[in-house]
C-alpha atoms as a PDB file:
ATOM      1  CA  MET A   1      -0.001   0.050  -0.024  1.00  0.00           C
ATOM      2  CA  GLN A   2       1.296   3.490  -1.089  1.00  0.00           C
ATOM      3  CA  CYS A   3       1.049   6.904   0.863  1.00  0.00           C
ATOM      4  CA  PRO A   4      -1.115   9.249  -0.941  1.00  0.00           C
ATOM      5  CA  LYS A   5       0.903  11.826  -2.438  1.00  0.00           C
ATOM      6  CA  SER A   6       0.220  15.693  -1.823  1.00  0.00           C
ATOM      7  CA  TYR A   7       0.298  18.104  -4.840  1.00  0.00           C
ATOM      8  CA  VAL A   8      -1.079  21.502  -5.633  1.00  0.00           C
ATOM      9  CA  THR A   9      -3.373  22.001  -8.536  1.00  0.00           C
ATOM     10  CA  SER A  10      -4.443  25.219 -10.029  1.00  0.00           C
ATOM     11  CA  GLN A  11      -7.752  24.727  -8.418  1.00  0.00           C
ATOM     12  CA  SER A  12      -6.037  24.245  -5.140  1.00  0.00           C
ATOM     13  CA  LEU A  13      -3.909  27.766  -5.738  1.00  0.00           C
ATOM     14  CA  ALA A  14      -7.408  29.321  -6.833  1.00  0.00           C
ATOM     15  CA  TRP A  15      -9.079  28.344  -3.529  1.00  0.00           C
ATOM     16  CA  ILE A  16      -6.287  29.529  -1.504  1.00  0.00           C
ATOM     17  CA  ASP A  17      -6.297  32.994  -3.066  1.00  0.00           C
ATOM     18  CA  GLU A  18     -10.233  33.019  -2.810  1.00  0.00           C
ATOM     19  CA  PHE A  19      -9.810  32.039   1.066  1.00  0.00           C
ATOM     20  CA  ALA A  20      -7.027  34.988   1.355  1.00  0.00           C
ATOM     21  CA  LEU A  21      -9.569  37.551  -0.078  1.00  0.00           C
ATOM     22  CA  TRP A  22     -12.571  36.063   1.954  1.00  0.00           C
ATOM     23  CA  ARG A  23     -10.639  36.716   5.241  1.00  0.00           C
ATOM     24  CA  ARG A  24     -10.368  40.476   4.436  1.00  0.00           C
ATOM     25  CA  ARG A  25     -13.711  40.689   4.071  1.00  0.00           C
ATOM     26  CA  PRO A  26     -15.872  42.009   6.978  1.00  0.00           C
ATOM     27  CA  ALA A  27     -17.987  39.476   8.583  1.00  0.00           C
ATOM     28  CA  ALA A  28     -21.356  41.085   7.723  1.00  0.00           C
ATOM     29  CA  GLU A  29     -20.792  39.886   4.159  1.00  0.00           C
ATOM     30  CA  TYR A  30     -20.093  36.260   4.867  1.00  0.00           C
ATOM     31  CA  ALA A  31     -24.010  35.773   4.166  1.00  0.00           C
ATOM     32  CA  GLU A  32     -23.164  36.176   0.643  1.00  0.00           C
ATOM     33  CA  THR A  33     -20.652  33.323   0.417  1.00  0.00           C
ATOM     34  CA  GLU A  34     -22.125  29.882  -0.831  1.00  0.00           C
ATOM     35  CA  ALA A  35     -22.726  27.739   2.192  1.00  0.00           C
ATOM     36  CA  LYS A  36     -20.272  24.980   1.000  1.00  0.00           C
ATOM     37  CA  LYS A  37     -17.273  27.665   0.785  1.00  0.00           C
ATOM     38  CA  LEU A  38     -18.097  29.253   3.915  1.00  0.00           C
ATOM     39  CA  ASP A  39     -17.968  25.921   5.784  1.00  0.00           C
ATOM     40  CA  ALA A  40     -14.478  25.085   4.065  1.00  0.00           C
ATOM     41  CA  PHE A  41     -13.290  28.664   4.792  1.00  0.00           C
ATOM     42  CA  LEU A  42     -14.352  28.430   8.431  1.00  0.00           C
ATOM     43  CA  ILE A  43     -12.520  25.168   8.544  1.00  0.00           C
ATOM     44  CA  LEU A  44      -9.362  26.645   7.187  1.00  0.00           C
ATOM     45  CA  GLU A  45      -9.464  29.710   9.414  1.00  0.00           C
ATOM     46  CA  ALA A  46      -9.631  27.479  12.635  1.00  0.00           C
ATOM     47  CA  GLN A  47      -6.717  25.232  11.333  1.00  0.00           C
ATOM     48  CA  LEU A  48      -4.672  28.441  10.565  1.00  0.00           C
ATOM     49  CA  ALA A  49      -5.681  29.749  13.870  1.00  0.00           C
ATOM     50  CA  ALA A  50      -4.745  26.328  15.666  1.00  0.00           C
ATOM     51  CA  GLU A  51      -1.187  26.366  13.939  1.00  0.00           C
ATOM     52  CA  ASN A  52      -0.637  29.812  14.810  1.00  0.00           C
ATOM     53  CA  ASP A  53      -1.381  29.116  18.493  1.00  0.00           C
ATOM     54  CA  GLU A  54       0.980  26.236  18.274  1.00  0.00           C
ATOM     55  CA  HIS A  55       3.875  28.236  16.939  1.00  0.00           C
ATOM     56  CA  ARG A  56       3.429  30.895  19.729  1.00  0.00           C
ATOM     57  CA  SER A  57       3.640  28.211  22.435  1.00  0.00           C
END
């Protein structure tokens, strides 16, 4: 059994760019984001915060 390979696609980069732009928007505008994207972005935000907390410790 082989380990899965991680790779970055152009779609992955587009999502990262969109996430970065989304983070700059005021929270009041979150309602304009598709539910599926909002869920993904909130998960990414939580992971980023956890990683930042880990580096501060």
